[in-house]
């Protein structure tokens, strides 16, 4: 059984995961407006992945005897100065998500809730991959500079290598 505090924090994380999905969907739209279809698709895939993270947490809360209480989802920023700004904002966002996941783990440990602690390990591992992926994307965007077609080409090649894993956390690194 989840403690009241853990239940509340998991519900807040569910809302944050849905926000991440909204954020990446908005970023995908910005990339579409810039004519960058490969990056747009990458961010659409990320949006779907974040929604899946929320659904997994919902399932866990319900199976663990908790009560789901969905929160309001804030509107994400609708405009960005550049592709690099989008990439940097995404990396910063993922770093914040990692901090929230770590706080959930700390709560589980404080509660001696070993089931939730074990369940959250997947999210810890996922965040390592997410941060690495977006750090790689920031680096690629910096290297490409104003040559956005080169960035699109590089991302497309990387994603093609990882095509079988799309939808399951395909990463940019490599």
N, C-alpha and C. Protein backbone atom coordinates (compact mmCIF):
# COMPACT_ATOMS: atom_id res chain seq x y z
N UNK A 1 0.85 -1.19 0.00
CA UNK A 1 0.00 0.00 0.00
C UNK A 1 0.88 1.24 0.00
N UNK A 2 0.55 2.18 -0.82
CA UNK A 2 1.30 3.43 -0.90
C UNK A 2 0.98 4.32 0.29
N UNK A 3 2.01 5.00 0.80
CA UNK A 3 1.75 6.02 1.81
C UNK A 3 1.02 7.18 1.14
N UNK A 4 0.35 7.98 1.93
CA UNK A 4 -0.36 9.15 1.38
C UNK A 4 0.62 10.07 0.67
N UNK A 5 1.80 10.25 1.26
CA UNK A 5 2.80 11.12 0.66
C UNK A 5 3.30 10.57 -0.67
N UNK A 6 3.56 9.26 -0.72
CA UNK A 6 4.03 8.64 -1.96
C UNK A 6 2.94 8.71 -3.02
N UNK A 7 1.71 8.45 -2.63
CA UNK A 7 0.60 8.52 -3.57
C UNK A 7 0.51 9.92 -4.18
N UNK A 8 0.60 10.93 -3.34
CA UNK A 8 0.54 12.32 -3.80
C UNK A 8 1.70 12.63 -4.75
N UNK A 9 2.90 12.18 -4.39
CA UNK A 9 4.07 12.46 -5.23
C UNK A 9 4.02 11.70 -6.55
N UNK A 10 3.51 10.49 -6.54
CA UNK A 10 3.36 9.75 -7.80
C UNK A 10 2.33 10.43 -8.69
N UNK A 11 1.23 10.92 -8.11
CA UNK A 11 0.24 11.65 -8.91
C UNK A 11 0.86 12.91 -9.52
N UNK A 12 1.69 13.60 -8.75
CA UNK A 12 2.36 14.79 -9.28
C UNK A 12 3.30 14.41 -10.42
N UNK A 13 3.97 13.26 -10.29
CA UNK A 13 4.88 12.82 -11.36
C UNK A 13 4.10 12.43 -12.61
N UNK A 14 2.94 11.84 -12.43
CA UNK A 14 2.09 11.52 -13.58
C UNK A 14 1.76 12.80 -14.34
N UNK A 15 1.39 13.84 -13.63
CA UNK A 15 1.10 15.12 -14.27
C UNK A 15 2.34 15.65 -14.98
N UNK A 16 3.51 15.53 -14.36
CA UNK A 16 4.74 15.99 -15.01
C UNK A 16 5.05 15.20 -16.27
N UNK A 17 4.76 13.90 -16.26
CA UNK A 17 5.00 13.09 -17.45
C UNK A 17 4.06 13.51 -18.58
N UNK A 18 2.81 13.78 -18.24
CA UNK A 18 1.88 14.29 -19.27
C UNK A 18 2.33 15.66 -19.76
N UNK A 19 2.83 16.50 -18.87
CA UNK A 19 3.36 17.80 -19.28
C UNK A 19 4.53 17.60 -20.26
N UNK A 20 5.40 16.66 -19.96
CA UNK A 20 6.53 16.38 -20.86
C UNK A 20 6.02 16.01 -22.25
N UNK A 21 4.96 15.22 -22.30
CA UNK A 21 4.38 14.85 -23.58
C UNK A 21 3.85 16.09 -24.31
N UNK A 22 3.14 16.96 -23.59
CA UNK A 22 2.65 18.22 -24.17
C UNK A 22 3.82 19.07 -24.67
N UNK A 23 4.85 19.17 -23.85
CA UNK A 23 6.02 19.98 -24.19
C UNK A 23 6.65 19.49 -25.48
N UNK A 24 6.88 18.18 -25.58
CA UNK A 24 7.53 17.65 -26.77
C UNK A 24 6.63 17.72 -28.00
N UNK A 25 5.33 17.62 -27.80
CA UNK A 25 4.39 17.77 -28.92
C UNK A 25 4.45 19.22 -29.43
N UNK A 26 4.52 20.19 -28.51
CA UNK A 26 4.63 21.60 -28.89
C UNK A 26 5.95 21.86 -29.61
N UNK A 27 7.03 21.30 -29.07
CA UNK A 27 8.33 21.46 -29.72
C UNK A 27 8.32 20.85 -31.12
N UNK A 28 7.66 19.71 -31.28
CA UNK A 28 7.54 19.09 -32.60
C UNK A 28 6.83 20.03 -33.57
N UNK A 29 5.80 20.70 -33.10
CA UNK A 29 5.09 21.66 -33.94
C UNK A 29 6.00 22.81 -34.36
N UNK A 30 6.81 23.30 -33.42
CA UNK A 30 7.77 24.36 -33.75
C UNK A 30 8.76 23.88 -34.81
N UNK A 31 9.22 22.65 -34.66
CA UNK A 31 10.17 22.10 -35.63
C UNK A 31 9.51 21.91 -36.99
N UNK A 32 8.24 21.53 -37.00
CA UNK A 32 7.49 21.43 -38.24
C UNK A 32 7.43 22.79 -38.93
N UNK A 33 7.17 23.84 -38.16
CA UNK A 33 7.11 25.18 -38.73
C UNK A 33 8.46 25.63 -39.29
N UNK A 34 9.54 25.06 -38.76
CA UNK A 34 10.88 25.36 -39.27
C UNK A 34 11.24 24.49 -40.47
N UNK A 35 10.34 23.55 -40.83
CA UNK A 35 10.60 22.67 -41.96
C UNK A 35 11.54 21.53 -41.65
N UNK A 36 11.63 21.14 -40.39
CA UNK A 36 12.58 20.11 -39.95
C UNK A 36 11.81 18.83 -39.59
N UNK A 37 11.44 18.08 -40.61
CA UNK A 37 10.54 16.94 -40.41
C UNK A 37 11.18 15.79 -39.63
N UNK A 38 12.48 15.59 -39.76
CA UNK A 38 13.13 14.50 -39.02
C UNK A 38 13.13 14.81 -37.53
N UNK A 39 13.52 16.02 -37.19
CA UNK A 39 13.49 16.42 -35.78
C UNK A 39 12.06 16.46 -35.26
N UNK A 40 11.13 16.90 -36.10
CA UNK A 40 9.73 16.90 -35.70
C UNK A 40 9.31 15.48 -35.31
N UNK A 41 9.63 14.50 -36.16
CA UNK A 41 9.25 13.12 -35.86
C UNK A 41 9.92 12.61 -34.60
N UNK A 42 11.18 12.97 -34.40
CA UNK A 42 11.88 12.56 -33.18
C UNK A 42 11.13 13.08 -31.95
N UNK A 43 10.71 14.34 -31.98
CA UNK A 43 10.01 14.91 -30.84
C UNK A 43 8.59 14.35 -30.70
N UNK A 44 7.94 14.01 -31.81
CA UNK A 44 6.64 13.34 -31.72
C UNK A 44 6.80 11.98 -31.04
N UNK A 45 7.85 11.25 -31.41
CA UNK A 45 8.12 9.97 -30.76
C UNK A 45 8.39 10.16 -29.27
N UNK A 46 9.13 11.21 -28.93
CA UNK A 46 9.41 11.49 -27.52
C UNK A 46 8.12 11.82 -26.77
N UNK A 47 7.23 12.57 -27.42
CA UNK A 47 5.95 12.91 -26.79
C UNK A 47 5.16 11.65 -26.48
N UNK A 48 5.13 10.72 -27.43
CA UNK A 48 4.42 9.46 -27.21
C UNK A 48 5.06 8.66 -26.08
N UNK A 49 6.39 8.68 -26.02
CA UNK A 49 7.10 7.95 -24.97
C UNK A 49 6.77 8.53 -23.59
N UNK A 50 6.71 9.85 -23.50
CA UNK A 50 6.40 10.48 -22.21
C UNK A 50 4.97 10.16 -21.76
N UNK A 51 4.06 10.11 -22.71
CA UNK A 51 2.69 9.73 -22.38
C UNK A 51 2.67 8.29 -21.85
N UNK A 52 3.47 7.43 -22.47
CA UNK A 52 3.56 6.05 -22.01
C UNK A 52 4.12 5.99 -20.58
N UNK A 53 5.08 6.84 -20.26
CA UNK A 53 5.62 6.89 -18.90
C UNK A 53 4.50 7.22 -17.91
N UNK A 54 3.64 8.17 -18.27
CA UNK A 54 2.53 8.55 -17.40
C UNK A 54 1.57 7.38 -17.21
N UNK A 55 1.24 6.70 -18.30
CA UNK A 55 0.31 5.58 -18.23
C UNK A 55 0.88 4.45 -17.37
N UNK A 56 2.17 4.20 -17.49
CA UNK A 56 2.80 3.17 -16.64
C UNK A 56 2.69 3.54 -15.16
N UNK A 57 2.89 4.80 -14.85
CA UNK A 57 2.76 5.23 -13.45
C UNK A 57 1.31 5.13 -12.97
N UNK A 58 0.37 5.46 -13.83
CA UNK A 58 -1.05 5.32 -13.47
C UNK A 58 -1.34 3.86 -13.12
N UNK A 59 -0.90 2.95 -13.99
CA UNK A 59 -1.12 1.53 -13.74
C UNK A 59 -0.50 1.11 -12.41
N UNK A 60 0.69 1.60 -12.12
CA UNK A 60 1.35 1.24 -10.87
C UNK A 60 0.57 1.76 -9.66
N UNK A 61 0.18 3.01 -9.71
CA UNK A 61 -0.58 3.59 -8.59
C UNK A 61 -1.82 2.75 -8.31
N UNK A 62 -2.51 2.37 -9.35
CA UNK A 62 -3.74 1.60 -9.17
C UNK A 62 -3.45 0.20 -8.64
N UNK A 63 -2.42 -0.45 -9.17
CA UNK A 63 -2.07 -1.80 -8.71
C UNK A 63 -1.53 -1.80 -7.28
N UNK A 64 -0.90 -0.69 -6.89
CA UNK A 64 -0.32 -0.60 -5.55
C UNK A 64 -1.33 -0.12 -4.51
N UNK A 65 -2.59 -0.02 -4.90
CA UNK A 65 -3.63 0.35 -3.96
C UNK A 65 -3.76 1.84 -3.72
N UNK A 66 -3.15 2.63 -4.59
CA UNK A 66 -3.23 4.07 -4.46
C UNK A 66 -4.47 4.63 -5.13
N UNK A 67 -4.61 5.92 -5.03
CA UNK A 67 -5.74 6.62 -5.65
C UNK A 67 -5.19 7.61 -6.67
N UNK A 68 -5.66 7.48 -7.90
CA UNK A 68 -5.24 8.38 -8.96
C UNK A 68 -5.94 9.73 -8.79
N UNK A 69 -5.16 10.80 -8.89
CA UNK A 69 -5.70 12.16 -8.86
C UNK A 69 -4.90 12.97 -9.89
N UNK A 70 -5.44 13.05 -11.10
CA UNK A 70 -4.74 13.77 -12.17
C UNK A 70 -4.76 15.27 -11.90
N UNK A 71 -3.62 15.90 -12.13
CA UNK A 71 -3.51 17.34 -11.94
C UNK A 71 -3.67 18.08 -13.26
N UNK A 72 -3.82 19.38 -13.16
CA UNK A 72 -3.91 20.23 -14.35
C UNK A 72 -2.56 20.26 -15.05
N UNK A 73 -2.60 20.30 -16.37
CA UNK A 73 -1.38 20.33 -17.16
C UNK A 73 -1.19 21.74 -17.69
N UNK A 74 -0.09 22.33 -17.30
CA UNK A 74 0.27 23.69 -17.72
C UNK A 74 0.58 23.71 -19.22
N UNK A 75 0.26 24.80 -19.87
CA UNK A 75 0.59 24.95 -21.29
C UNK A 75 2.10 25.15 -21.44
N UNK A 76 2.73 24.42 -22.35
CA UNK A 76 4.17 24.59 -22.55
C UNK A 76 4.46 25.84 -23.38
N UNK A 77 5.70 26.30 -23.36
CA UNK A 77 6.07 27.43 -24.23
C UNK A 77 5.74 27.09 -25.69
N UNK A 78 5.28 28.07 -26.43
CA UNK A 78 4.85 27.83 -27.81
C UNK A 78 5.87 28.30 -28.84
N UNK A 79 6.88 29.03 -28.42
CA UNK A 79 7.87 29.54 -29.37
C UNK A 79 9.27 29.40 -28.81
N UNK A 80 10.19 29.16 -29.72
CA UNK A 80 11.61 29.04 -29.38
C UNK A 80 12.42 29.80 -30.42
N UNK A 81 13.54 30.34 -29.99
CA UNK A 81 14.37 31.15 -30.88
C UNK A 81 15.05 30.32 -31.96
N UNK A 82 15.37 29.07 -31.64
CA UNK A 82 16.16 28.26 -32.57
C UNK A 82 16.02 26.78 -32.23
N UNK A 83 16.55 25.96 -33.12
CA UNK A 83 16.60 24.52 -32.86
C UNK A 83 17.46 24.26 -31.63
N UNK A 84 18.58 24.95 -31.54
CA UNK A 84 19.45 24.78 -30.38
C UNK A 84 18.71 25.12 -29.09
N UNK A 85 17.91 26.17 -29.11
CA UNK A 85 17.13 26.55 -27.92
C UNK A 85 16.16 25.43 -27.53
N UNK A 86 15.54 24.79 -28.51
CA UNK A 86 14.65 23.66 -28.24
C UNK A 86 15.43 22.53 -27.60
N UNK A 87 16.57 22.21 -28.18
CA UNK A 87 17.39 21.10 -27.67
C UNK A 87 17.88 21.37 -26.26
N UNK A 88 18.34 22.59 -26.01
CA UNK A 88 18.83 22.94 -24.68
C UNK A 88 17.69 22.95 -23.66
N UNK A 89 16.52 23.43 -24.06
CA UNK A 89 15.37 23.43 -23.15
C UNK A 89 14.95 22.00 -22.81
N UNK A 90 15.06 21.12 -23.78
CA UNK A 90 14.71 19.73 -23.55
C UNK A 90 15.67 19.07 -22.58
N UNK A 91 16.95 19.31 -22.76
CA UNK A 91 17.94 18.74 -21.83
C UNK A 91 17.72 19.27 -20.42
N UNK A 92 17.48 20.55 -20.29
CA UNK A 92 17.21 21.13 -18.97
C UNK A 92 15.95 20.52 -18.36
N UNK A 93 14.94 20.32 -19.18
CA UNK A 93 13.69 19.71 -18.70
C UNK A 93 13.95 18.29 -18.21
N UNK A 94 14.68 17.50 -18.97
CA UNK A 94 14.96 16.12 -18.57
C UNK A 94 15.77 16.07 -17.28
N UNK A 95 16.65 17.03 -17.08
CA UNK A 95 17.41 17.07 -15.83
C UNK A 95 16.48 17.34 -14.65
N UNK A 96 15.46 18.16 -14.86
CA UNK A 96 14.47 18.41 -13.80
C UNK A 96 13.66 17.14 -13.52
N UNK A 97 13.29 16.44 -14.58
CA UNK A 97 12.54 15.19 -14.41
C UNK A 97 13.37 14.21 -13.57
N UNK A 98 14.66 14.14 -13.86
CA UNK A 98 15.54 13.25 -13.09
C UNK A 98 15.50 13.60 -11.61
N UNK A 99 15.55 14.88 -11.29
CA UNK A 99 15.49 15.29 -9.88
C UNK A 99 14.19 14.84 -9.23
N UNK A 100 13.10 14.93 -9.96
CA UNK A 100 11.81 14.50 -9.41
C UNK A 100 11.77 12.98 -9.21
N UNK A 101 12.34 12.23 -10.14
CA UNK A 101 12.40 10.77 -9.99
C UNK A 101 13.23 10.42 -8.76
N UNK A 102 14.36 11.10 -8.60
CA UNK A 102 15.20 10.84 -7.42
C UNK A 102 14.45 11.15 -6.13
N UNK A 103 13.63 12.19 -6.13
CA UNK A 103 12.84 12.53 -4.94
C UNK A 103 11.81 11.43 -4.65
N UNK A 104 11.25 10.84 -5.70
CA UNK A 104 10.33 9.72 -5.50
C UNK A 104 11.05 8.54 -4.87
N UNK A 105 12.25 8.26 -5.35
CA UNK A 105 13.04 7.16 -4.80
C UNK A 105 13.34 7.43 -3.32
N UNK A 106 13.71 8.66 -3.01
CA UNK A 106 14.00 9.01 -1.61
C UNK A 106 12.76 8.80 -0.74
N UNK A 107 11.59 9.16 -1.25
CA UNK A 107 10.35 8.95 -0.50
C UNK A 107 10.09 7.47 -0.29
N UNK A 108 10.29 6.67 -1.34
CA UNK A 108 10.09 5.22 -1.22
C UNK A 108 11.03 4.63 -0.17
N UNK A 109 12.27 5.09 -0.17
CA UNK A 109 13.23 4.59 0.81
C UNK A 109 12.84 5.03 2.22
N UNK A 110 12.40 6.27 2.36
CA UNK A 110 11.96 6.76 3.67
C UNK A 110 10.77 5.95 4.19
N UNK A 111 9.86 5.60 3.27
CA UNK A 111 8.68 4.82 3.63
C UNK A 111 8.97 3.33 3.80
N UNK A 112 10.19 2.92 3.45
CA UNK A 112 10.54 1.49 3.40
C UNK A 112 9.57 0.75 2.47
N UNK A 113 9.23 1.43 1.38
CA UNK A 113 8.33 0.90 0.35
C UNK A 113 9.20 0.30 -0.75
N UNK A 114 9.61 -0.94 -0.52
CA UNK A 114 10.58 -1.58 -1.41
C UNK A 114 9.99 -1.92 -2.77
N UNK A 115 8.69 -2.15 -2.83
CA UNK A 115 8.05 -2.41 -4.12
C UNK A 115 8.12 -1.18 -5.02
N UNK A 116 7.76 -0.03 -4.46
CA UNK A 116 7.82 1.21 -5.25
C UNK A 116 9.26 1.55 -5.59
N UNK A 117 10.16 1.34 -4.64
CA UNK A 117 11.59 1.60 -4.91
C UNK A 117 12.06 0.77 -6.08
N UNK A 118 11.70 -0.49 -6.09
CA UNK A 118 12.08 -1.39 -7.19
C UNK A 118 11.44 -0.93 -8.50
N UNK A 119 10.17 -0.57 -8.46
CA UNK A 119 9.47 -0.13 -9.66
C UNK A 119 10.12 1.12 -10.26
N UNK A 120 10.55 2.02 -9.41
CA UNK A 120 11.13 3.29 -9.88
C UNK A 120 12.51 3.12 -10.51
N UNK A 121 13.14 1.97 -10.32
CA UNK A 121 14.46 1.76 -10.93
C UNK A 121 14.39 1.90 -12.45
N UNK A 122 13.29 1.45 -13.04
CA UNK A 122 13.14 1.58 -14.49
C UNK A 122 13.19 3.06 -14.89
N UNK A 123 12.55 3.92 -14.11
CA UNK A 123 12.54 5.35 -14.41
C UNK A 123 13.92 5.97 -14.22
N UNK A 124 14.66 5.51 -13.23
CA UNK A 124 16.03 5.99 -13.04
C UNK A 124 16.86 5.65 -14.27
N UNK A 125 16.79 4.41 -14.71
CA UNK A 125 17.55 3.97 -15.89
C UNK A 125 17.11 4.73 -17.13
N UNK A 126 15.82 4.95 -17.26
CA UNK A 126 15.28 5.69 -18.41
C UNK A 126 15.81 7.12 -18.43
N UNK A 127 15.90 7.74 -17.27
CA UNK A 127 16.39 9.13 -17.22
C UNK A 127 17.87 9.22 -17.60
N UNK A 128 18.65 8.23 -17.26
CA UNK A 128 20.06 8.22 -17.70
C UNK A 128 20.09 8.25 -19.23
N UNK A 129 19.27 7.42 -19.85
CA UNK A 129 19.20 7.38 -21.32
C UNK A 129 18.66 8.68 -21.90
N UNK A 130 17.62 9.23 -21.29
CA UNK A 130 17.03 10.47 -21.80
C UNK A 130 18.02 11.63 -21.75
N UNK A 131 18.70 11.78 -20.62
CA UNK A 131 19.67 12.87 -20.51
C UNK A 131 20.81 12.69 -21.51
N UNK A 132 21.29 11.48 -21.67
CA UNK A 132 22.37 11.23 -22.63
C UNK A 132 21.91 11.53 -24.06
N UNK A 133 20.70 11.12 -24.38
CA UNK A 133 20.15 11.34 -25.72
C UNK A 133 20.05 12.83 -26.03
N UNK A 134 19.52 13.60 -25.09
CA UNK A 134 19.36 15.02 -25.35
C UNK A 134 20.67 15.79 -25.24
N UNK A 135 21.61 15.31 -24.45
CA UNK A 135 22.95 15.92 -24.44
C UNK A 135 23.60 15.72 -25.80
N UNK A 136 23.42 14.53 -26.39
CA UNK A 136 23.93 14.27 -27.74
C UNK A 136 23.27 15.19 -28.76
N UNK A 137 21.96 15.37 -28.63
CA UNK A 137 21.24 16.23 -29.56
C UNK A 137 21.71 17.68 -29.45
N UNK A 138 21.94 18.16 -28.24
CA UNK A 138 22.46 19.52 -28.06
C UNK A 138 23.82 19.63 -28.74
N UNK A 139 24.67 18.64 -28.54
CA UNK A 139 26.00 18.66 -29.16
C UNK A 139 25.90 18.67 -30.68
N UNK A 140 25.03 17.84 -31.22
CA UNK A 140 24.83 17.82 -32.68
C UNK A 140 24.33 19.16 -33.19
N UNK A 141 23.40 19.77 -32.47
CA UNK A 141 22.86 21.07 -32.88
C UNK A 141 23.94 22.14 -32.84
N UNK A 142 24.80 22.09 -31.85
CA UNK A 142 25.90 23.06 -31.77
C UNK A 142 26.88 22.85 -32.92
N UNK A 143 27.21 21.61 -33.21
CA UNK A 143 28.14 21.31 -34.30
C UNK A 143 27.56 21.73 -35.65
N UNK A 144 26.25 21.54 -35.83
CA UNK A 144 25.61 21.88 -37.10
C UNK A 144 25.51 23.39 -37.29
N UNK A 145 25.41 24.13 -36.19
CA UNK A 145 25.28 25.57 -36.31
C UNK A 145 24.06 25.94 -37.12
N UNK A 146 24.27 26.72 -38.16
CA UNK A 146 23.15 27.14 -39.00
C UNK A 146 22.83 26.13 -40.10
N UNK A 147 23.61 25.07 -40.22
CA UNK A 147 23.38 24.04 -41.24
C UNK A 147 22.37 23.01 -40.72
N UNK A 148 21.12 23.41 -40.70
CA UNK A 148 20.08 22.56 -40.12
C UNK A 148 19.81 21.31 -40.95
N UNK A 149 20.08 21.38 -42.24
CA UNK A 149 19.92 20.19 -43.07
C UNK A 149 20.94 19.13 -42.68
N UNK A 150 22.14 19.54 -42.32
CA UNK A 150 23.15 18.59 -41.85
C UNK A 150 22.70 17.96 -40.54
N UNK A 151 22.10 18.76 -39.68
CA UNK A 151 21.58 18.24 -38.41
C UNK A 151 20.48 17.22 -38.68
N UNK A 152 19.56 17.56 -39.55
CA UNK A 152 18.48 16.63 -39.92
C UNK A 152 19.05 15.33 -40.47
N UNK A 153 20.04 15.46 -41.36
CA UNK A 153 20.65 14.27 -41.96
C UNK A 153 21.30 13.39 -40.90
N UNK A 154 22.03 14.00 -40.00
CA UNK A 154 22.72 13.24 -38.94
C UNK A 154 21.71 12.55 -38.02
N UNK A 155 20.68 13.26 -37.62
CA UNK A 155 19.66 12.67 -36.75
C UNK A 155 18.93 11.55 -37.48
N UNK A 156 18.63 11.76 -38.76
CA UNK A 156 17.95 10.72 -39.54
C UNK A 156 18.79 9.44 -39.61
N UNK A 157 20.09 9.58 -39.82
CA UNK A 157 20.96 8.40 -39.87
C UNK A 157 21.02 7.68 -38.53
N UNK A 158 21.10 8.44 -37.47
CA UNK A 158 21.14 7.84 -36.14
C UNK A 158 19.83 7.12 -35.85
N UNK A 159 18.72 7.76 -36.17
CA UNK A 159 17.42 7.14 -35.90
C UNK A 159 17.20 5.91 -36.76
N UNK A 160 17.71 5.92 -37.99
CA UNK A 160 17.56 4.75 -38.87
C UNK A 160 18.26 3.53 -38.27
N UNK A 161 19.40 3.76 -37.63
CA UNK A 161 20.11 2.65 -36.97
C UNK A 161 19.31 2.09 -35.81
N UNK A 162 18.47 2.93 -35.25
CA UNK A 162 17.73 2.55 -34.06
C UNK A 162 16.25 2.29 -34.35
N UNK A 163 15.88 2.23 -35.61
CA UNK A 163 14.47 2.11 -36.00
C UNK A 163 13.74 0.98 -35.28
N UNK A 164 14.33 -0.20 -35.08
CA UNK A 164 13.58 -1.26 -34.39
C UNK A 164 13.19 -0.88 -32.96
N UNK A 165 13.92 0.03 -32.35
CA UNK A 165 13.65 0.40 -30.96
C UNK A 165 12.72 1.60 -30.83
N UNK A 166 12.37 2.26 -31.93
CA UNK A 166 11.50 3.44 -31.83
C UNK A 166 10.22 3.07 -31.09
N UNK A 167 9.81 3.96 -30.23
CA UNK A 167 8.65 3.70 -29.40
C UNK A 167 9.01 3.00 -28.11
N UNK A 168 10.26 2.55 -28.01
CA UNK A 168 10.74 1.89 -26.80
C UNK A 168 11.94 2.62 -26.24
N UNK A 169 12.05 3.91 -26.52
CA UNK A 169 13.15 4.69 -25.95
C UNK A 169 14.36 4.77 -26.85
N UNK A 170 14.16 4.86 -28.16
CA UNK A 170 15.30 5.00 -29.07
C UNK A 170 16.11 6.23 -28.69
N UNK A 171 17.40 6.08 -28.68
CA UNK A 171 18.27 7.16 -28.24
C UNK A 171 19.14 7.64 -29.39
N UNK A 172 19.63 8.85 -29.27
CA UNK A 172 20.44 9.45 -30.32
C UNK A 172 21.90 9.04 -30.27
N UNK A 173 22.43 8.73 -29.13
CA UNK A 173 23.86 8.48 -28.98
C UNK A 173 24.38 7.44 -29.95
N UNK A 174 25.68 7.48 -30.19
CA UNK A 174 26.26 6.43 -31.02
C UNK A 174 26.82 6.98 -32.24
